[in-house]
Protein backbone atom coordinates (compact mmCIF):
# COMPACT_ATOMS: atom_id res chain seq x y z
CA MET A 1 110.84 95.46 127.04
CA VAL A 2 113.05 97.93 125.24
CA PHE A 3 116.76 97.61 125.94
CA CYS A 4 118.64 100.78 125.19
CA LEU A 5 121.79 102.72 125.71
CA ALA A 6 122.00 106.36 126.66
CA SER A 7 124.64 109.03 126.84
CA ALA A 8 124.32 112.45 128.46
CA ARG A 9 126.91 115.21 128.34
CA THR A 10 126.89 118.85 129.30
CA GLY A 11 126.69 121.23 126.35
CA ARG A 12 129.64 123.46 125.49
CA LYS A 13 127.83 126.54 126.82
CA CYS A 14 126.07 124.94 129.81
CA LYS A 15 127.68 124.50 133.22
CA ILE A 16 124.90 122.31 134.63
CA ASN A 17 123.49 119.31 132.80
CA MET A 18 119.71 119.55 133.12
CA ASP A 19 119.12 116.41 131.07
CA SER A 20 118.42 113.05 132.66
CA ARG A 21 118.04 109.59 131.20
CA GLN A 22 116.94 106.16 132.36
CA TRP A 23 118.52 102.88 131.30
CA LEU A 24 115.79 100.23 131.59
CA ASN A 25 113.28 101.62 129.13
CA GLY A 26 113.74 104.39 126.62
CA VAL A 27 113.28 107.74 128.33
CA ALA A 28 114.97 111.12 128.06
CA CYS A 29 114.15 114.32 129.95
CA ASP A 30 115.34 117.87 129.52
CA GLY A 31 114.69 120.36 132.32
CA ALA A 32 113.44 123.91 132.01
CA VAL A 33 113.24 126.24 135.06
CA GLY A 34 114.75 124.29 137.99
CA GLY A 35 115.37 121.74 135.30
CA ALA A 36 118.11 119.64 136.85
CA LYS A 37 115.81 118.71 139.71
CA ALA A 38 112.70 118.43 137.55
CA SER A 39 114.26 116.04 135.04
CA LYS A 40 115.74 113.92 137.83
CA LEU A 41 112.34 113.67 139.54
CA ALA A 42 110.66 112.68 136.28
CA VAL A 43 113.15 109.92 135.54
CA GLU A 44 112.96 108.63 139.11
CA ALA A 45 109.16 108.47 138.83
CA VAL A 46 109.38 106.45 135.61
CA GLU A 47 111.97 104.14 137.14
CA LYS A 48 109.83 103.58 140.26
CA GLN A 49 106.78 102.79 138.16
CA TRP A 50 108.84 100.39 136.04
CA THR A 51 110.04 98.59 139.19
CA ASP A 52 106.84 98.61 141.23
CA ASN A 53 104.31 98.23 138.45
CA PRO A 54 106.04 97.11 135.23
CA PRO A 55 104.21 97.37 131.92
CA PRO A 56 102.05 94.39 130.92
CA GLN A 57 103.71 91.81 128.74
CA ASN A 58 100.84 91.59 126.26
CA GLY A 59 98.07 93.80 125.04
CA ARG A 60 98.87 96.93 123.10
CA SER A 61 96.06 98.99 124.62
CA ASP A 62 97.19 97.98 128.13
CA ILE A 63 100.76 99.08 127.38
CA GLN A 64 99.50 102.41 126.01
CA LYS A 65 97.45 102.91 129.18
CA TRP A 66 100.49 102.07 131.34
CA LEU A 67 102.67 104.49 129.40
CA LEU A 68 100.28 107.43 129.75
CA GLU A 69 99.76 106.65 133.43
CA THR A 70 103.52 106.59 133.96
CA VAL A 71 104.08 109.98 132.33
CA ASN A 72 101.20 111.39 134.37
CA LEU A 73 102.87 110.10 137.54
CA ALA A 74 106.10 111.80 136.46
CA ASN A 75 104.19 115.05 135.97
CA GLN A 76 102.63 114.71 139.43
CA SER A 77 106.01 114.12 141.01
CA VAL A 78 107.47 117.31 139.54
CA TRP A 79 104.35 119.40 140.19
CA GLN A 80 104.01 118.32 143.82
CA GLN A 81 107.66 119.08 144.56
CA ALA A 82 107.30 122.51 142.99
CA GLU A 83 104.21 123.18 145.10
CA GLU A 84 106.01 122.19 148.30
CA ASP A 85 109.31 123.98 147.64
CA ALA A 86 109.07 127.67 146.75
CA SER A 87 112.69 127.73 145.59
CA VAL A 88 111.81 125.55 142.57
CA ARG A 89 108.24 126.70 142.00
CA GLY A 90 107.52 126.78 138.28
CA MET A 91 110.17 124.17 137.43
CA GLY A 92 109.46 121.87 134.53
CA THR A 93 110.94 119.25 132.25
CA THR A 94 110.28 117.72 128.87
CA ILE A 95 110.07 113.95 128.47
CA VAL A 96 110.00 111.29 125.78
CA VAL A 97 109.43 107.62 126.66
CA GLY A 98 109.34 104.49 124.53
CA VAL A 99 107.99 101.06 125.52
CA GLN A 100 107.81 98.07 123.20
CA SER A 101 104.62 96.10 122.75
CA GLU A 102 104.30 92.94 120.67
CA GLU A 103 103.25 94.96 117.64
CA ALA A 104 104.92 98.33 117.95
CA LEU A 105 107.00 100.76 119.91
CA GLU A 106 104.68 102.97 121.94
CA ILE A 107 106.02 106.50 122.45
CA ALA A 108 104.75 109.23 124.76
CA HIS A 109 106.16 112.73 124.95
CA VAL A 110 105.65 116.19 126.38
CA GLY A 111 107.70 119.19 125.27
CA ASP A 112 110.44 119.28 122.64
CA SER A 113 112.36 116.11 123.42
CA ARG A 114 112.10 114.02 120.27
CA ALA A 115 111.76 110.50 118.89
CA TYR A 116 113.11 109.57 115.45
CA LEU A 117 112.66 106.44 113.37
CA LEU A 118 115.66 105.67 111.13
CA ARG A 119 114.88 103.12 108.42
CA ASP A 120 117.36 102.39 105.65
CA GLY A 121 119.24 105.53 106.65
CA LYS A 122 116.19 107.76 106.20
CA PRO A 123 115.06 109.75 109.27
CA VAL A 124 111.40 110.22 110.19
CA LEU A 125 110.51 112.54 113.06
CA LEU A 126 107.84 110.72 115.09
CA THR A 127 107.01 113.47 117.56
CA ASN A 128 105.76 117.04 117.23
CA ASP A 129 107.65 119.56 119.36
CA HIS A 130 105.44 121.42 121.82
CA SER A 131 107.18 124.71 121.18
CA VAL A 132 106.34 128.19 119.92
CA VAL A 133 108.67 127.92 116.94
CA GLN A 134 107.46 124.51 115.79
CA GLU A 135 103.86 125.66 116.00
CA MET A 136 104.88 128.44 113.60
CA VAL A 137 106.52 125.87 111.31
CA ARG A 138 103.36 123.73 111.29
CA ALA A 139 101.31 126.84 110.50
CA GLY A 140 103.59 127.63 107.55
CA ARG A 141 104.92 130.86 109.09
CA LEU A 142 108.51 129.60 109.38
CA THR A 143 110.64 127.10 107.50
CA GLU A 144 112.61 124.44 109.33
CA GLU A 145 115.82 126.31 108.57
CA GLN A 146 114.39 129.55 109.95
CA ALA A 147 113.24 127.67 113.05
CA ARG A 148 116.76 126.41 113.72
CA ILE A 149 118.09 129.93 114.20
CA ASN A 150 115.00 131.59 115.66
CA PRO A 151 115.81 133.26 119.01
CA TYR A 152 112.63 131.79 120.52
CA LYS A 153 113.34 128.18 119.51
CA ASN A 154 113.69 127.05 123.14
CA LEU A 155 110.29 128.38 124.26
CA ILE A 156 108.11 125.35 124.91
CA THR A 157 104.33 125.36 125.17
CA ARG A 158 103.95 122.21 127.25
CA CYS A 159 106.07 120.43 129.87
CA LEU A 160 105.89 118.27 132.98
CA GLY A 161 105.43 120.05 136.29
CA HIS A 162 103.82 123.37 135.40
CA GLU A 163 100.26 122.14 135.91
CA GLU A 164 98.65 119.40 137.97
CA ARG A 165 97.54 117.74 134.74
CA VAL A 166 99.35 117.72 131.42
CA GLU A 167 98.35 116.76 127.90
CA ILE A 168 100.48 113.86 126.66
CA ASP A 169 101.02 112.95 123.01
CA HIS A 170 101.06 109.24 122.19
CA THR A 171 102.67 107.85 119.02
CA PRO A 172 102.78 104.15 118.06
CA VAL A 173 105.32 103.08 115.45
CA GLU A 174 105.45 99.73 113.69
CA LEU A 175 109.01 98.42 113.67
CA LYS A 176 110.84 96.39 111.06
CA ALA A 177 114.08 94.48 111.36
CA ARG A 178 117.16 96.73 111.47
CA ASP A 179 115.15 99.84 112.33
CA TRP A 180 116.75 102.37 114.63
CA VAL A 181 114.86 104.55 117.09
CA VAL A 182 116.56 107.60 118.58
CA LEU A 183 115.11 109.41 121.59
CA CYS A 184 116.81 112.69 122.40
CA SER A 185 116.63 116.01 124.15
CA ASP A 186 116.50 119.13 121.99
CA GLY A 187 120.27 119.60 122.29
CA LEU A 188 120.77 117.04 119.50
CA PRO A 189 118.56 118.48 116.71
CA THR A 190 119.66 122.00 117.64
CA VAL A 191 123.07 121.08 116.19
CA LEU A 192 122.49 118.10 113.88
CA ARG A 193 120.07 117.98 110.99
CA ASP A 194 117.78 114.98 110.67
CA GLU A 195 119.79 113.72 107.70
CA GLN A 196 122.99 113.69 109.78
CA ILE A 197 121.30 111.59 112.46
CA GLY A 198 120.26 109.13 109.76
CA GLU A 199 123.78 108.98 108.35
CA VAL A 200 125.26 108.10 111.75
CA CYS A 201 122.78 105.25 112.24
CA ALA A 202 123.53 103.93 108.75
CA GLU A 203 127.27 103.87 109.46
CA HIS A 204 127.18 101.61 112.54
CA GLU A 205 126.00 98.22 113.73
CA GLU A 206 125.89 98.81 117.49
CA PRO A 207 123.82 101.30 119.55
CA GLU A 208 126.91 102.19 121.61
CA GLN A 209 128.66 103.48 118.50
CA VAL A 210 125.64 105.47 117.37
CA CYS A 211 125.28 107.10 120.81
CA GLU A 212 128.92 108.03 121.01
CA ASP A 213 129.04 109.48 117.50
CA LEU A 214 125.84 111.49 117.89
CA VAL A 215 127.03 113.00 121.15
CA LYS A 216 130.51 113.67 119.77
CA LEU A 217 129.19 115.36 116.64
CA THR A 218 126.87 117.51 118.75
CA LEU A 219 129.68 118.58 121.06
CA ASP A 220 132.00 119.23 118.12
CA GLY A 221 129.25 121.36 116.59
CA GLY A 222 129.22 123.70 119.57
CA ALA A 223 126.41 122.13 121.64
CA PRO A 224 124.76 125.28 123.01
CA ASP A 225 122.45 123.05 125.07
CA ASN A 226 122.77 119.80 127.01
CA VAL A 227 122.40 116.62 125.01
CA THR A 228 120.90 113.27 125.97
CA VAL A 229 120.55 110.42 123.47
CA VAL A 230 118.86 107.02 123.78
CA VAL A 231 119.38 104.62 120.86
CA ILE A 232 117.38 101.46 120.19
CA GLN A 233 117.96 99.01 117.37
CA TYR A 234 115.14 96.62 116.56
CA LEU A 235 116.07 93.10 115.51
CA ASP A 236 113.47 90.52 114.56
CA GLU A 237 113.65 86.97 115.90
CA ALA A 238 115.45 85.72 112.81
CA SER A 239 118.19 88.34 113.02
CA ASP A 240 118.98 88.43 116.72
CA ASN A 241 115.91 88.13 118.91
CA GLY A 242 114.33 91.47 119.71
CA SER A 243 115.64 94.91 120.50
CA LYS A 244 119.03 95.97 121.74
C-alpha cells in the first residue's frame, strides 16, 4: 500500500476548487466541465473500490489489472452520472493514481494530471499529458517553454466521463530508497518548473513539508488554476520500512 499526504487549495483566480484527492492511495483528480462533481465522483469510486475490493498484496500483473479496472470504474461513475443528469452532461475529470506493488509503483493516468519521480533532486516526468499542447511538444512543433504560455495549454484530449470507455495509460516505475513521487493536478506545473519541484523535494525530509512548500510556492506564483499535490517518499526496509 502507498501511504501519502495530499494538499488541495483553490487557485488565486478560481472561486471553486475542482480538484479532489484521496488519502489512502495516491490519487489526484482535476475536473473539466462540471469538474467539481466529476472529480469528486472519480475519487469516491476509487475509494469505494479500495474499500470493497482492495488491490492484491502480491503479483505485479494482478495489481496492474486492479489499477486499470479501478480507473475504468471511476470513468463509468462519471459517465453514468452525466448521462442521467442533463445539467452536468459532458462533465469530465483528469486522474492520476499510484499503487505500490512489491517491485514498483504502478501508475495509471488519464488527462494532464501528472506523476513525477524525484531521485537525488532530479525530476523525471513519468506521465505524458493528454493535451493538445503537449502533443505539439512531442511532435516538435512547440518547445516546453512555448507550451507553458500557449493559450490552449488547458485543452485536454482525453479525460474521465466523456465516453463510456476511456483509454488509460499505465506506467510502472522501479523505486529506490529515498525516492520521491509527486502526483499533481496541472495547477502545479503551470506555475512551477520541473527543476523547482525537484529542489523542494531535495530540501526536506518529510512529505508534509514538501506538500506545504509546493502548494505555497504555487499560490505565491499566482496559481491561475486549482492545485492538488500528493507526495510519497519511498524508504527501503533498512531505512524505515516502506513508503510514507
